[in-house]
C-alpha atoms as a PDB file:
ATOM      1  CA  UNK A   1     108.911 155.429 114.334  1.00  0.00           C
ATOM      2  CA  UNK A   2     110.067 154.346 117.788  1.00  0.00           C
ATOM      3  CA  UNK A   3     109.902 150.673 116.766  1.00  0.00           C
ATOM      4  CA  UNK A   4     111.872 151.411 113.599  1.00  0.00           C
ATOM      5  CA  UNK A   5     114.489 153.266 115.633  1.00  0.00           C
ATOM      6  CA  UNK A   6     114.845 150.318 118.015  1.00  0.00           C
ATOM      7  CA  UNK A   7     115.078 147.881 115.110  1.00  0.00           C
ATOM      8  CA  UNK A   8     117.928 149.912 113.616  1.00  0.00           C
ATOM      9  CA  UNK A   9     119.924 149.730 116.860  1.00  0.00           C
ATOM     10  CA  UNK A  10     121.693 146.479 116.119  1.00  0.00           C
ATOM     11  CA  UNK A  11     125.211 147.339 117.291  1.00  0.00           C
ATOM     12  CA  UNK A  12     126.508 146.664 120.793  1.00  0.00           C
ATOM     13  CA  UNK A  13     127.134 149.835 122.820  1.00  0.00           C
ATOM     14  CA  UNK A  14     130.717 151.006 122.792  1.00  0.00           C
ATOM     15  CA  UNK A  15     132.779 151.452 125.943  1.00  0.00           C
ATOM     16  CA  UNK A  16     132.353 155.222 125.603  1.00  0.00           C
ATOM     17  CA  UNK A  17     128.564 154.911 125.362  1.00  0.00           C
ATOM     18  CA  UNK A  18     128.500 152.775 128.506  1.00  0.00           C
ATOM     19  CA  UNK A  19     130.833 155.167 130.356  1.00  0.00           C
ATOM     20  CA  UNK A  20     128.698 158.186 129.363  1.00  0.00           C
ATOM     21  CA  UNK A  21     125.572 156.408 130.594  1.00  0.00           C
ATOM     22  CA  UNK A  22     127.266 155.591 133.911  1.00  0.00           C
ATOM     23  CA  UNK A  23     128.292 159.246 134.360  1.00  0.00           C
ATOM     24  CA  UNK A  24     124.625 160.221 134.032  1.00  0.00           C
ATOM     25  CA  UNK A  25     123.603 157.634 136.623  1.00  0.00           C
ATOM     26  CA  UNK A  26     122.216 155.207 134.054  1.00  0.00           C
ATOM     27  CA  UNK A  27     123.600 151.924 135.366  1.00  0.00           C
ATOM     28  CA  UNK A  28     122.099 148.430 135.593  1.00  0.00           C
ATOM     29  CA  UNK A  29     120.512 147.963 138.986  1.00  0.00           C
ATOM     30  CA  UNK A  30     118.265 145.236 140.348  1.00  0.00           C
ATOM     31  CA  UNK A  31     115.897 146.297 143.140  1.00  0.00           C
ATOM     32  CA  UNK A  32     115.386 142.656 144.042  1.00  0.00           C
ATOM     33  CA  UNK A  33     118.963 142.169 145.237  1.00  0.00           C
ATOM     34  CA  UNK A  34     118.607 144.621 148.185  1.00  0.00           C
ATOM     35  CA  UNK A  35     115.250 142.990 149.024  1.00  0.00           C
ATOM     36  CA  UNK A  36     116.937 139.580 149.100  1.00  0.00           C
ATOM     37  CA  UNK A  37     119.690 141.058 151.294  1.00  0.00           C
ATOM     38  CA  UNK A  38     117.048 142.416 153.695  1.00  0.00           C
ATOM     39  CA  UNK A  39     115.317 139.027 153.956  1.00  0.00           C
ATOM     40  CA  UNK A  40     118.702 137.357 154.508  1.00  0.00           C
ATOM     41  CA  UNK A  41     119.507 139.853 157.276  1.00  0.00           C
ATOM     42  CA  UNK A  42     116.097 139.136 158.827  1.00  0.00           C
ATOM     43  CA  UNK A  43     116.752 135.392 158.816  1.00  0.00           C
ATOM     44  CA  UNK A  44     120.182 135.862 160.395  1.00  0.00           C
ATOM     45  CA  UNK A  45     118.711 138.146 163.047  1.00  0.00           C
ATOM     46  CA  UNK A  46     115.876 135.738 163.872  1.00  0.00           C
ATOM     47  CA  UNK A  47     118.186 132.729 164.008  1.00  0.00           C
ATOM     48  CA  UNK A  48     121.309 133.981 165.755  1.00  0.00           C
ATOM     49  CA  UNK A  49     120.366 137.027 167.823  1.00  0.00           C
ATOM     50  CA  UNK A  50     116.673 137.415 168.563  1.00  0.00           C
ATOM     51  CA  UNK A  51     116.278 134.389 170.908  1.00  0.00           C
ATOM     52  CA  UNK A  52     119.083 135.574 173.212  1.00  0.00           C
ATOM     53  CA  UNK A  53     117.948 139.176 172.855  1.00  0.00           C
ATOM     54  CA  UNK A  54     114.402 138.295 173.887  1.00  0.00           C
ATOM     55  CA  UNK A  55     115.773 136.388 176.881  1.00  0.00           C
ATOM     56  CA  UNK A  56     117.748 139.432 178.037  1.00  0.00           C
ATOM     57  CA  UNK A  57     114.741 141.713 177.562  1.00  0.00           C
ATOM     58  CA  UNK A  58     112.532 139.254 179.457  1.00  0.00           C
ATOM     59  CA  UNK A  59     114.962 139.208 182.371  1.00  0.00           C
ATOM     60  CA  UNK A  60     115.005 143.004 182.510  1.00  0.00           C
ATOM     61  CA  UNK A  61     111.215 143.234 182.417  1.00  0.00           C
ATOM     62  CA  UNK A  62     110.917 140.422 184.963  1.00  0.00           C
ATOM     63  CA  UNK A  63     113.057 142.433 187.376  1.00  0.00           C
ATOM     64  CA  UNK A  64     110.748 145.412 186.946  1.00  0.00           C
ATOM     65  CA  UNK A  65     107.560 143.417 187.549  1.00  0.00           C
ATOM     66  CA  UNK A  66     108.874 141.093 190.251  1.00  0.00           C
ATOM     67  CA  UNK A  67     110.724 143.796 192.189  1.00  0.00           C
ATOM     68  CA  UNK A  68     108.702 146.957 191.635  1.00  0.00           C
ATOM     69  CA  UNK A  69     109.996 148.475 194.868  1.00  0.00           C
ATOM     70  CA  UNK A  70     113.373 148.986 193.178  1.00  0.00           C
ATOM     71  CA  UNK A  71     111.755 151.329 190.662  1.00  0.00           C
ATOM     72  CA  UNK A  72     110.097 154.264 192.365  1.00  0.00           C
ATOM     73  CA  UNK A  73     108.115 156.598 190.142  1.00  0.00           C
ATOM     74  CA  UNK A  74     107.503 159.406 192.574  1.00  0.00           C
ATOM     75  CA  UNK A  75     109.331 162.188 190.778  1.00  0.00           C
ATOM     76  CA  UNK A  76     110.146 163.212 187.254  1.00  0.00           C
ATOM     77  CA  UNK A  77     113.763 161.973 187.442  1.00  0.00           C
ATOM     78  CA  UNK A  78     112.479 158.585 188.653  1.00  0.00           C
ATOM     79  CA  UNK A  79     110.200 158.251 185.629  1.00  0.00           C
ATOM     80  CA  UNK A  80     112.993 159.422 183.338  1.00  0.00           C
ATOM     81  CA  UNK A  81     115.339 156.811 184.809  1.00  0.00           C
ATOM     82  CA  UNK A  82     112.778 154.076 184.108  1.00  0.00           C
ATOM     83  CA  UNK A  83     112.229 155.287 180.543  1.00  0.00           C
ATOM     84  CA  UNK A  84     115.986 155.409 179.930  1.00  0.00           C
ATOM     85  CA  UNK A  85     116.318 151.847 181.199  1.00  0.00           C
ATOM     86  CA  UNK A  86     113.489 150.606 178.962  1.00  0.00           C
ATOM     87  CA  UNK A  87     114.935 152.539 176.023  1.00  0.00           C
ATOM     88  CA  UNK A  88     118.329 150.946 176.557  1.00  0.00           C
ATOM     89  CA  UNK A  89     116.769 147.484 176.729  1.00  0.00           C
ATOM     90  CA  UNK A  90     114.872 148.159 173.479  1.00  0.00           C
ATOM     91  CA  UNK A  91     118.007 149.534 171.808  1.00  0.00           C
ATOM     92  CA  UNK A  92     119.965 146.405 172.710  1.00  0.00           C
ATOM     93  CA  UNK A  93     117.239 144.358 171.015  1.00  0.00           C
ATOM     94  CA  UNK A  94     116.648 146.518 167.919  1.00  0.00           C
ATOM     95  CA  UNK A  95     120.059 148.092 167.139  1.00  0.00           C
ATOM     96  CA  UNK A  96     121.621 144.860 165.775  1.00  0.00           C
ATOM     97  CA  UNK A  97     118.633 144.461 163.443  1.00  0.00           C
ATOM     98  CA  UNK A  98     119.010 148.006 162.101  1.00  0.00           C
ATOM     99  CA  UNK A  99     122.773 147.553 161.676  1.00  0.00           C
ATOM    100  CA  UNK A 100     122.253 144.264 159.830  1.00  0.00           C
ATOM    101  CA  UNK A 101     119.658 145.797 157.499  1.00  0.00           C
ATOM    102  CA  UNK A 102     121.894 148.788 156.797  1.00  0.00           C
ATOM    103  CA  UNK A 103     125.065 146.759 156.158  1.00  0.00           C
ATOM    104  CA  UNK A 104     123.361 144.158 153.971  1.00  0.00           C
ATOM    105  CA  UNK A 105     121.505 146.859 152.019  1.00  0.00           C
ATOM    106  CA  UNK A 106     124.678 148.860 151.359  1.00  0.00           C
ATOM    107  CA  UNK A 107     126.624 145.748 150.328  1.00  0.00           C
ATOM    108  CA  UNK A 108     123.793 144.656 148.003  1.00  0.00           C
ATOM    109  CA  UNK A 109     123.855 148.059 146.284  1.00  0.00           C
ATOM    110  CA  UNK A 110     127.639 148.443 146.083  1.00  0.00           C
ATOM    111  CA  UNK A 111     128.051 144.904 144.742  1.00  0.00           C
ATOM    112  CA  UNK A 112     126.054 145.942 141.671  1.00  0.00           C
ATOM    113  CA  UNK A 113     127.573 149.382 141.054  1.00  0.00           C
ATOM    114  CA  UNK A 114     130.056 151.517 142.930  1.00  0.00           C
ATOM    115  CA  UNK A 115     128.438 154.690 144.309  1.00  0.00           C
ATOM    116  CA  UNK A 116     128.967 157.692 142.033  1.00  0.00           C
ATOM    117  CA  UNK A 117     127.591 161.193 142.720  1.00  0.00           C
ATOM    118  CA  UNK A 118     125.333 162.269 139.851  1.00  0.00           C
ATOM    119  CA  UNK A 119     124.187 165.883 140.144  1.00  0.00           C
ATOM    120  CA  UNK A 120     121.830 165.496 137.193  1.00  0.00           C
ATOM    121  CA  UNK A 121     119.698 163.043 139.164  1.00  0.00           C
ATOM    122  CA  UNK A 122     119.078 165.470 142.042  1.00  0.00           C
ATOM    123  CA  UNK A 123     118.619 168.562 139.889  1.00  0.00           C
ATOM    124  CA  UNK A 124     114.946 169.683 139.839  1.00  0.00           C
ATOM    125  CA  UNK A 125     113.233 168.926 136.534  1.00  0.00           C
ATOM    126  CA  UNK A 126     109.647 169.891 135.736  1.00  0.00           C
ATOM    127  CA  UNK A 127     109.407 167.013 133.263  1.00  0.00           C
ATOM    128  CA  UNK A 128     109.352 164.606 136.198  1.00  0.00           C
ATOM    129  CA  UNK A 129     106.042 166.120 137.297  1.00  0.00           C
ATOM    130  CA  UNK A 130     104.401 165.403 133.954  1.00  0.00           C
ATOM    131  CA  UNK A 131     101.406 163.018 134.405  1.00  0.00           C
ATOM    132  CA  UNK A 132     101.761 161.834 130.806  1.00  0.00           C
ATOM    133  CA  UNK A 133     105.358 160.768 131.329  1.00  0.00           C
ATOM    134  CA  UNK A 134     104.406 159.188 134.632  1.00  0.00           C
ATOM    135  CA  UNK A 135     101.727 157.054 132.951  1.00  0.00           C
ATOM    136  CA  UNK A 136     104.137 156.170 130.141  1.00  0.00           C
ATOM    137  CA  UNK A 137     106.678 154.932 132.695  1.00  0.00           C
ATOM    138  CA  UNK A 138     104.056 152.930 134.585  1.00  0.00           C
ATOM    139  CA  UNK A 139     102.630 151.244 131.491  1.00  0.00           C
ATOM    140  CA  UNK A 140     105.945 150.772 129.689  1.00  0.00           C
ATOM    141  CA  UNK A 141     107.577 147.357 129.366  1.00  0.00           C
ATOM    142  CA  UNK A 142     109.884 147.918 132.388  1.00  0.00           C
ATOM    143  CA  UNK A 143     106.925 149.187 134.425  1.00  0.00           C
ATOM    144  CA  UNK A 144     104.819 146.150 133.565  1.00  0.00           C
ATOM    145  CA  UNK A 145     107.730 143.862 134.408  1.00  0.00           C
ATOM    146  CA  UNK A 146     108.119 145.556 137.804  1.00  0.00           C
ATOM    147  CA  UNK A 147     104.383 145.136 138.393  1.00  0.00           C
ATOM    148  CA  UNK A 148     104.624 141.464 137.437  1.00  0.00           C
ATOM    149  CA  UNK A 149     107.519 140.932 139.837  1.00  0.00           C
ATOM    150  CA  UNK A 150     105.632 142.605 142.687  1.00  0.00           C
ATOM    151  CA  UNK A 151     102.527 140.520 141.997  1.00  0.00           C
ATOM    152  CA  UNK A 152     104.626 137.361 141.815  1.00  0.00           C
ATOM    153  CA  UNK A 153     106.276 138.142 145.153  1.00  0.00           C
ATOM    154  CA  UNK A 154     102.925 138.797 146.844  1.00  0.00           C
ATOM    155  CA  UNK A 155     101.526 135.525 145.530  1.00  0.00           C
ATOM    156  CA  UNK A 156     104.629 133.576 146.527  1.00  0.00           C
ATOM    157  CA  UNK A 157     104.703 135.014 150.046  1.00  0.00           C
ATOM    158  CA  UNK A 158     100.967 134.409 150.442  1.00  0.00           C
ATOM    159  CA  UNK A 159     101.217 130.811 149.278  1.00  0.00           C
ATOM    160  CA  UNK A 160     104.248 130.184 151.485  1.00  0.00           C
ATOM    161  CA  UNK A 161     102.563 131.597 154.575  1.00  0.00           C
ATOM    162  CA  UNK A 162      99.403 129.599 153.855  1.00  0.00           C
ATOM    163  CA  UNK A 163     101.178 126.247 153.616  1.00  0.00           C
ATOM    164  CA  UNK A 164     103.557 126.907 156.516  1.00  0.00           C
ATOM    165  CA  UNK A 165     100.752 128.067 158.802  1.00  0.00           C
ATOM    166  CA  UNK A 166      98.606 125.148 157.679  1.00  0.00           C
ATOM    167  CA  UNK A 167     101.351 122.671 158.536  1.00  0.00           C
ATOM    168  CA  UNK A 168     101.947 124.370 161.898  1.00  0.00           C
ATOM    169  CA  UNK A 169      98.277 124.986 162.722  1.00  0.00           C
ATOM    170  CA  UNK A 170      97.927 122.358 165.423  1.00  0.00           C
ATOM    171  CA  UNK A 171     101.340 123.177 166.899  1.00  0.00           C
ATOM    172  CA  UNK A 172     100.339 126.829 167.150  1.00  0.00           C
ATOM    173  CA  UNK A 173      97.042 125.957 168.856  1.00  0.00           C
ATOM    174  CA  UNK A 174      98.855 123.660 171.262  1.00  0.00           C
ATOM    175  CA  UNK A 175     101.454 126.359 172.011  1.00  0.00           C
ATOM    176  CA  UNK A 176      98.727 128.821 173.001  1.00  0.00           C
ATOM    177  CA  UNK A 177      97.820 126.592 175.950  1.00  0.00           C
ATOM    178  CA  UNK A 178     101.361 125.668 176.931  1.00  0.00           C
ATOM    179  CA  UNK A 179     104.111 127.368 178.891  1.00  0.00           C
ATOM    180  CA  UNK A 180     104.860 130.951 177.671  1.00  0.00           C
ATOM    181  CA  UNK A 181     108.505 130.032 177.061  1.00  0.00           C
ATOM    182  CA  UNK A 182     107.430 127.123 174.869  1.00  0.00           C
ATOM    183  CA  UNK A 183     104.996 129.386 173.018  1.00  0.00           C
ATOM    184  CA  UNK A 184     107.794 131.809 172.178  1.00  0.00           C
ATOM    185  CA  UNK A 185     110.097 129.028 170.950  1.00  0.00           C
ATOM    186  CA  UNK A 186     107.383 127.516 168.749  1.00  0.00           C
ATOM    187  CA  UNK A 187     106.470 130.934 167.380  1.00  0.00           C
ATOM    188  CA  UNK A 188     110.127 131.599 166.520  1.00  0.00           C
ATOM    189  CA  UNK A 189     110.325 128.220 164.783  1.00  0.00           C
ATOM    190  CA  UNK A 190     107.305 129.072 162.616  1.00  0.00           C
ATOM    191  CA  UNK A 191     108.725 132.529 161.805  1.00  0.00           C
ATOM    192  CA  UNK A 192     112.098 131.064 160.824  1.00  0.00           C
ATOM    193  CA  UNK A 193     110.411 128.553 158.520  1.00  0.00           C
ATOM    194  CA  UNK A 194     108.414 131.303 156.827  1.00  0.00           C
ATOM    195  CA  UNK A 195     111.442 133.592 156.428  1.00  0.00           C
ATOM    196  CA  UNK A 196     113.636 130.723 155.181  1.00  0.00           C
ATOM    197  CA  UNK A 197     111.188 129.757 152.434  1.00  0.00           C
ATOM    198  CA  UNK A 198     110.688 133.432 151.520  1.00  0.00           C
ATOM    199  CA  UNK A 199     114.480 133.755 151.411  1.00  0.00           C
ATOM    200  CA  UNK A 200     114.765 131.009 148.794  1.00  0.00           C
ATOM    201  CA  UNK A 201     111.932 132.544 146.762  1.00  0.00           C
ATOM    202  CA  UNK A 202     113.482 136.038 146.825  1.00  0.00           C
ATOM    203  CA  UNK A 203     116.863 134.519 145.915  1.00  0.00           C
ATOM    204  CA  UNK A 204     115.369 133.061 142.727  1.00  0.00           C
ATOM    205  CA  UNK A 205     113.691 136.374 141.878  1.00  0.00           C
ATOM    206  CA  UNK A 206     116.853 138.372 142.692  1.00  0.00           C
ATOM    207  CA  UNK A 207     119.098 136.204 140.494  1.00  0.00           C
ATOM    208  CA  UNK A 208     116.674 136.384 137.569  1.00  0.00           C
ATOM    209  CA  UNK A 209     116.181 140.141 137.987  1.00  0.00           C
ATOM    210  CA  UNK A 210     119.931 140.753 138.329  1.00  0.00           C
ATOM    211  CA  UNK A 211     120.639 139.270 134.899  1.00  0.00           C
ATOM    212  CA  UNK A 212     117.496 140.723 133.321  1.00  0.00           C
ATOM    213  CA  UNK A 213     118.344 144.266 134.502  1.00  0.00           C
ATOM    214  CA  UNK A 214     121.776 144.020 132.886  1.00  0.00           C
ATOM    215  CA  UNK A 215     120.341 142.595 129.694  1.00  0.00           C
ATOM    216  CA  UNK A 216     117.700 145.341 129.550  1.00  0.00           C
ATOM    217  CA  UNK A 217     120.301 148.058 130.243  1.00  0.00           C
ATOM    218  CA  UNK A 218     122.599 146.691 127.531  1.00  0.00           C
ATOM    219  CA  UNK A 219     119.703 146.486 125.056  1.00  0.00           C
ATOM    220  CA  UNK A 220     118.598 150.061 125.768  1.00  0.00           C
ATOM    221  CA  UNK A 221     122.127 151.328 125.067  1.00  0.00           C
ATOM    222  CA  UNK A 222     122.448 149.609 121.691  1.00  0.00           C
ATOM    223  CA  UNK A 223     123.485 151.875 118.831  1.00  0.00           C
ATOM    224  CA  UNK A 224     122.864 152.209 115.130  1.00  0.00           C
ATOM    225  CA  UNK A 225     125.728 151.720 112.691  1.00  0.00           C
ATOM    226  CA  UNK A 226     125.662 155.439 111.955  1.00  0.00           C
ATOM    227  CA  UNK A 227     126.075 156.255 115.658  1.00  0.00           C
ATOM    228  CA  UNK A 228     129.043 153.887 115.916  1.00  0.00           C
ATOM    229  CA  UNK A 229     130.694 155.492 112.875  1.00  0.00           C
ATOM    230  CA  UNK A 230     130.127 159.003 114.229  1.00  0.00           C
ATOM    231  CA  UNK A 231     131.559 158.048 117.612  1.00  0.00           C
ATOM    232  CA  UNK A 232     134.636 156.485 116.008  1.00  0.00           C
ATOM    233  CA  UNK A 233     135.084 159.603 113.910  1.00  0.00           C
ATOM    234  CA  UNK A 234     134.926 161.801 117.008  1.00  0.00           C
ATOM    235  CA  UNK A 235     137.315 159.547 118.914  1.00  0.00           C
ATOM    236  CA  UNK A 236     139.871 159.270 116.120  1.00  0.00           C
ATOM    237  CA  UNK A 237     139.389 162.742 114.699  1.00  0.00           C
ATOM    238  CA  UNK A 238     138.338 163.937 111.268  1.00  0.00           C
ATOM    239  CA  UNK A 239     140.522 162.265 108.569  1.00  0.00           C
ATOM    240  CA  UNK A 240     141.055 165.614 106.812  1.00  0.00           C
ATOM    241  CA  UNK A 241     142.169 167.296 110.041  1.00  0.00           C
ATOM    242  CA  UNK A 242     144.440 164.380 110.932  1.00  0.00           C
ATOM    243  CA  UNK A 243     145.964 164.459 107.449  1.00  0.00           C
ATOM    244  CA  UNK A 244     146.566 168.180 107.801  1.00  0.00           C
ATOM    245  CA  UNK A 245     148.222 167.654 111.187  1.00  0.00           C
ATOM    246  CA  UNK A 246     150.500 164.958 109.772  1.00  0.00           C
ATOM    247  CA  UNK A 247     151.408 167.268 106.904  1.00  0.00           C
ATOM    248  CA  UNK A 248     152.321 170.068 109.326  1.00  0.00           C
ATOM    249  CA  UNK A 249     154.439 167.678 111.383  1.00  0.00           C
ATOM    250  CA  UNK A 250     156.286 166.540 108.262  1.00  0.00           C
ATOM    251  CA  UNK A 251     156.888 170.167 107.268  1.00  0.00           C
ATOM    252  CA  UNK A 252     158.332 170.994 110.695  1.00  0.00           C
ATOM    253  CA  UNK A 253     160.575 167.918 110.621  1.00  0.00           C
ATOM    254  CA  UNK A 254     161.708 168.820 107.090  1.00  0.00           C
ATOM    255  CA  UNK A 255     162.573 172.384 108.130  1.00  0.00           C
ATOM    256  CA  UNK A 256     164.590 171.138 111.113  1.00  0.00           C
ATOM    257  CA  UNK A 257     166.398 168.693 108.847  1.00  0.00           C
ATOM    258  CA  UNK A 258     167.222 171.371 106.266  1.00  0.00           C
ATOM    259  CA  UNK A 259     168.500 173.671 109.028  1.00  0.00           C
ATOM    260  CA  UNK A 260     170.945 170.952 110.129  1.00  0.00           C
ATOM    261  CA  UNK A 261     172.628 170.838 106.709  1.00  0.00           C
ATOM    262  CA  UNK A 262     174.794 173.828 107.695  1.00  0.00           C
ATOM    263  CA  UNK A 263     176.511 171.599 110.299  1.00  0.00           C
ATOM    264  CA  UNK A 264     177.369 168.862 107.768  1.00  0.00           C
ATOM    265  CA  UNK A 265     180.912 167.728 106.963  1.00  0.00           C
ATOM    266  CA  UNK A 266     180.046 166.614 103.439  1.00  0.00           C
ATOM    267  CA  UNK A 267     177.112 165.878 101.133  1.00  0.00           C
ATOM    268  CA  UNK A 268     176.866 162.803  98.898  1.00  0.00           C
ATOM    269  CA  UNK A 269     174.576 163.366  95.930  1.00  0.00           C
ATOM    270  CA  UNK A 270     173.161 162.025  92.756  1.00  0.00           C
ATOM    271  CA  UNK A 271     173.331 165.100  90.534  1.00  0.00           C
ATOM    272  CA  UNK A 272     169.612 165.939  90.834  1.00  0.00           C
ATOM    273  CA  UNK A 273     167.636 163.121  92.445  1.00  0.00           C
ATOM    274  CA  UNK A 274     169.238 162.212  95.809  1.00  0.00           C
ATOM    275  CA  UNK A 275     171.324 163.933  98.476  1.00  0.00           C
ATOM    276  CA  UNK A 276     172.578 162.787 101.901  1.00  0.00           C
ATOM    277  CA  UNK A 277     174.271 165.197 104.342  1.00  0.00           C
ATOM    278  CA  UNK A 278     176.752 163.644 106.808  1.00  0.00           C
ATOM    279  CA  UNK A 279     178.590 165.014 109.825  1.00  0.00           C
ATOM    280  CA  UNK A 280     181.719 163.477 111.266  1.00  0.00           C
ATOM    281  CA  UNK A 281     183.602 164.843 114.273  1.00  0.00           C
ATOM    282  CA  UNK A 282     185.820 162.400 116.127  1.00  0.00           C
ATOM    283  CA  UNK A 283     184.990 163.891 119.525  1.00  0.00           C
ATOM    284  CA  UNK A 284     181.226 163.471 118.936  1.00  0.00           C
ATOM    285  CA  UNK A 285     180.721 160.056 117.310  1.00  0.00           C
ATOM    286  CA  UNK A 286     182.658 156.981 116.263  1.00  0.00           C
ATOM    287  CA  UNK A 287     181.003 157.015 112.836  1.00  0.00           C
ATOM    288  CA  UNK A 288     179.425 159.651 110.561  1.00  0.00           C
ATOM    289  CA  UNK A 289     175.895 160.760 111.481  1.00  0.00           C
ATOM    290  CA  UNK A 290     173.140 161.437 108.937  1.00  0.00           C
ATOM    291  CA  UNK A 291     171.901 165.024 109.351  1.00  0.00           C
ATOM    292  CA  UNK A 292     169.576 165.174 106.338  1.00  0.00           C
ATOM    293  CA  UNK A 293     168.502 163.273 103.282  1.00  0.00           C
ATOM    294  CA  UNK A 294     166.092 163.956 100.453  1.00  0.00           C
ATOM    295  CA  UNK A 295     165.220 163.507  96.844  1.00  0.00           C
ATOM    296  CA  UNK A 296     164.250 165.771  93.969  1.00  0.00           C
ATOM    297  CA  UNK A 297     163.437 169.278  95.307  1.00  0.00           C
ATOM    298  CA  UNK A 298     164.683 168.516  98.819  1.00  0.00           C
ATOM    299  CA  UNK A 299     167.889 167.066  97.381  1.00  0.00           C
ATOM    300  CA  UNK A 300     168.424 170.260  95.381  1.00  0.00           C
ATOM    301  CA  UNK A 301     167.766 172.322  98.533  1.00  0.00           C
ATOM    302  CA  UNK A 302     170.365 170.302 100.476  1.00  0.00           C
ATOM    303  CA  UNK A 303     172.936 170.871  97.712  1.00  0.00           C
ATOM    304  CA  UNK A 304     172.108 174.565  97.561  1.00  0.00           C
ATOM    305  CA  UNK A 305     172.643 175.044 101.317  1.00  0.00           C
ATOM    306  CA  UNK A 306     175.840 172.979 101.234  1.00  0.00           C
ATOM    307  CA  UNK A 307     177.318 174.992  98.361  1.00  0.00           C
ATOM    308  CA  UNK A 308     176.300 178.265 100.029  1.00  0.00           C
ATOM    309  CA  UNK A 309     178.129 177.249 103.237  1.00  0.00           C
ATOM    310  CA  UNK A 310     181.201 175.821 101.524  1.00  0.00           C
ATOM    311  CA  UNK A 311     180.405 172.209 102.395  1.00  0.00           C
ATOM    312  CA  UNK A 312     181.922 169.712  99.925  1.00  0.00           C
ATOM    313  CA  UNK A 313     179.417 167.947  97.656  1.00  0.00           C
ATOM    314  CA  UNK A 314     180.508 164.608  96.166  1.00  0.00           C
ATOM    315  CA  UNK A 315     178.538 163.242  93.240  1.00  0.00           C
ATOM    316  CA  UNK A 316     178.343 159.455  93.519  1.00  0.00           C
ATOM    317  CA  UNK A 317     174.942 158.265  92.169  1.00  0.00           C
ATOM    318  CA  UNK A 318     175.166 154.584  93.270  1.00  0.00           C
ATOM    319  CA  UNK A 319     176.342 155.504  96.769  1.00  0.00           C
ATOM    320  CA  UNK A 320     173.779 158.324  97.092  1.00  0.00           C
ATOM    321  CA  UNK A 321     170.884 156.075  96.047  1.00  0.00           C
ATOM    322  CA  UNK A 322     171.984 153.229  98.306  1.00  0.00           C
ATOM    323  CA  UNK A 323     172.497 155.456 101.345  1.00  0.00           C
ATOM    324  CA  UNK A 324     169.193 157.266 100.802  1.00  0.00           C
ATOM    325  CA  UNK A 325     167.371 153.919 100.928  1.00  0.00           C
ATOM    326  CA  UNK A 326     169.167 152.522 103.990  1.00  0.00           C
ATOM    327  CA  UNK A 327     170.128 155.338 106.373  1.00  0.00           C
ATOM    328  CA  UNK A 328     167.975 157.112 108.971  1.00  0.00           C
ATOM    329  CA  UNK A 329     168.171 160.747 109.988  1.00  0.00           C
ATOM    330  CA  UNK A 330     170.033 161.448 113.273  1.00  0.00           C
ATOM    331  CA  UNK A 331     171.583 157.953 113.174  1.00  0.00           C
ATOM    332  CA  UNK A 332     175.085 156.756 112.347  1.00  0.00           C
ATOM    333  CA  UNK A 333     175.557 155.207 108.931  1.00  0.00           C
ATOM    334  CA  UNK A 334     175.543 151.397 108.581  1.00  0.00           C
ATOM    335  CA  UNK A 335     178.947 149.704 108.608  1.00  0.00           C
ATOM    336  CA  UNK A 336     178.548 148.698 104.966  1.00  0.00           C
ATOM    337  CA  UNK A 337     179.195 152.341 104.000  1.00  0.00           C
ATOM    338  CA  UNK A 338     182.222 152.894 106.257  1.00  0.00           C
ATOM    339  CA  UNK A 339     184.884 152.356 103.586  1.00  0.00           C
ATOM    340  CA  UNK A 340     183.280 154.501 100.871  1.00  0.00           C
ATOM    341  CA  UNK A 341     182.453 157.353 103.260  1.00  0.00           C
ATOM    342  CA  UNK A 342     185.882 157.168 104.941  1.00  0.00           C
ATOM    343  CA  UNK A 343     187.547 157.814 101.577  1.00  0.00           C
ATOM    344  CA  UNK A 344     185.370 160.891 101.032  1.00  0.00           C
ATOM    345  CA  UNK A 345     186.044 162.197 104.549  1.00  0.00           C
ATOM    346  CA  UNK A 346     189.771 161.677 103.965  1.00  0.00           C
ATOM    347  CA  UNK A 347     189.496 163.826 100.839  1.00  0.00           C
ATOM    348  CA  UNK A 348     187.677 166.526 102.846  1.00  0.00           C
ATOM    349  CA  UNK A 349     190.375 166.549 105.548  1.00  0.00           C
ATOM    350  CA  UNK A 350     193.129 166.594 102.886  1.00  0.00           C
ATOM    351  CA  UNK A 351     191.499 169.559 101.140  1.00  0.00           C
ATOM    352  CA  UNK A 352     191.202 171.408 104.465  1.00  0.00           C
ATOM    353  CA  UNK A 353     194.877 170.746 105.195  1.00  0.00           C
ATOM    354  CA  UNK A 354     195.939 172.120 101.791  1.00  0.00           C
ATOM    355  CA  UNK A 355     193.819 175.222 102.295  1.00  0.00           C
ATOM    356  CA  UNK A 356     195.458 175.848 105.683  1.00  0.00           C
ATOM    357  CA  UNK A 357     198.964 175.550 104.172  1.00  0.00           C
ATOM    358  CA  UNK A 358     198.055 177.974 101.394  1.00  0.00           C
ATOM    359  CA  UNK A 359     196.867 180.498 103.963  1.00  0.00           C
END
């Protein structure tokens, strides 16, 4: 069943699936990159700092042994002073190494993934204590790959040390019977050779593991077609719900439009099929503005409201059809309709003037 499930996961993980995995702490991470960074820090320390550091430590110790009368150990404070001095000398030698290891390790981790707090990882879970799950992790494909990498590294380091020590065998024997300073320099040379070759080997392993970890992570997150469809449905919303929302929005817009008919100056209509309500006030706009338009039942509703509020309704089927197709609500009418609409507005103003004289 597990194999069938994996075979069905043929689709690339979506951005949401990858983001959800990252939030849970499931990110691609190569353990070999920090190891390579540690070896690189070791090589830098051995090459650029340790020789001078050893020289400074040797000078401090030489002062202690060659001039012991300067260091009296007769009381507790005297002994403490000596220990503090030796501790400071050791700190000067070891602190740069610890700082290098820390900085290179942090950079190697951050370069792969930015640090993100994941509470789920630190929350106690009894399932982690299960021996069965522990064995399944050890003998799984990732576990076997990790074992293979560890075995490969041990073999590589062993082979490297064998050949380097073999090539330097006679030099090492000769150094044992030479000046102590020469012995230290030759020993450092051998150590640098070993670390340099190990550095190249770990670089190869780190590069390969970096890309493999990302490939494995991407493969594990693959989805079935059904999962992709369900995720798209959740992201875009249920089609029925979205259709209902659009319908409600249209209803609200229609009600607002119908409510604006009461402010119209005139209505142009086809007797039953089309109606366009216009408003023209010189102080508001340079041209008439479309307040509402509709056809069939909405057109009848516009006419009904206009007649109820004493708004003139002009029946002009060609003009009503043409305006319905070309005008937009809350916008001024196109210039092509200026002449025809101006004549109707003139008739409205003339009728208003006559009514005022009669009164």
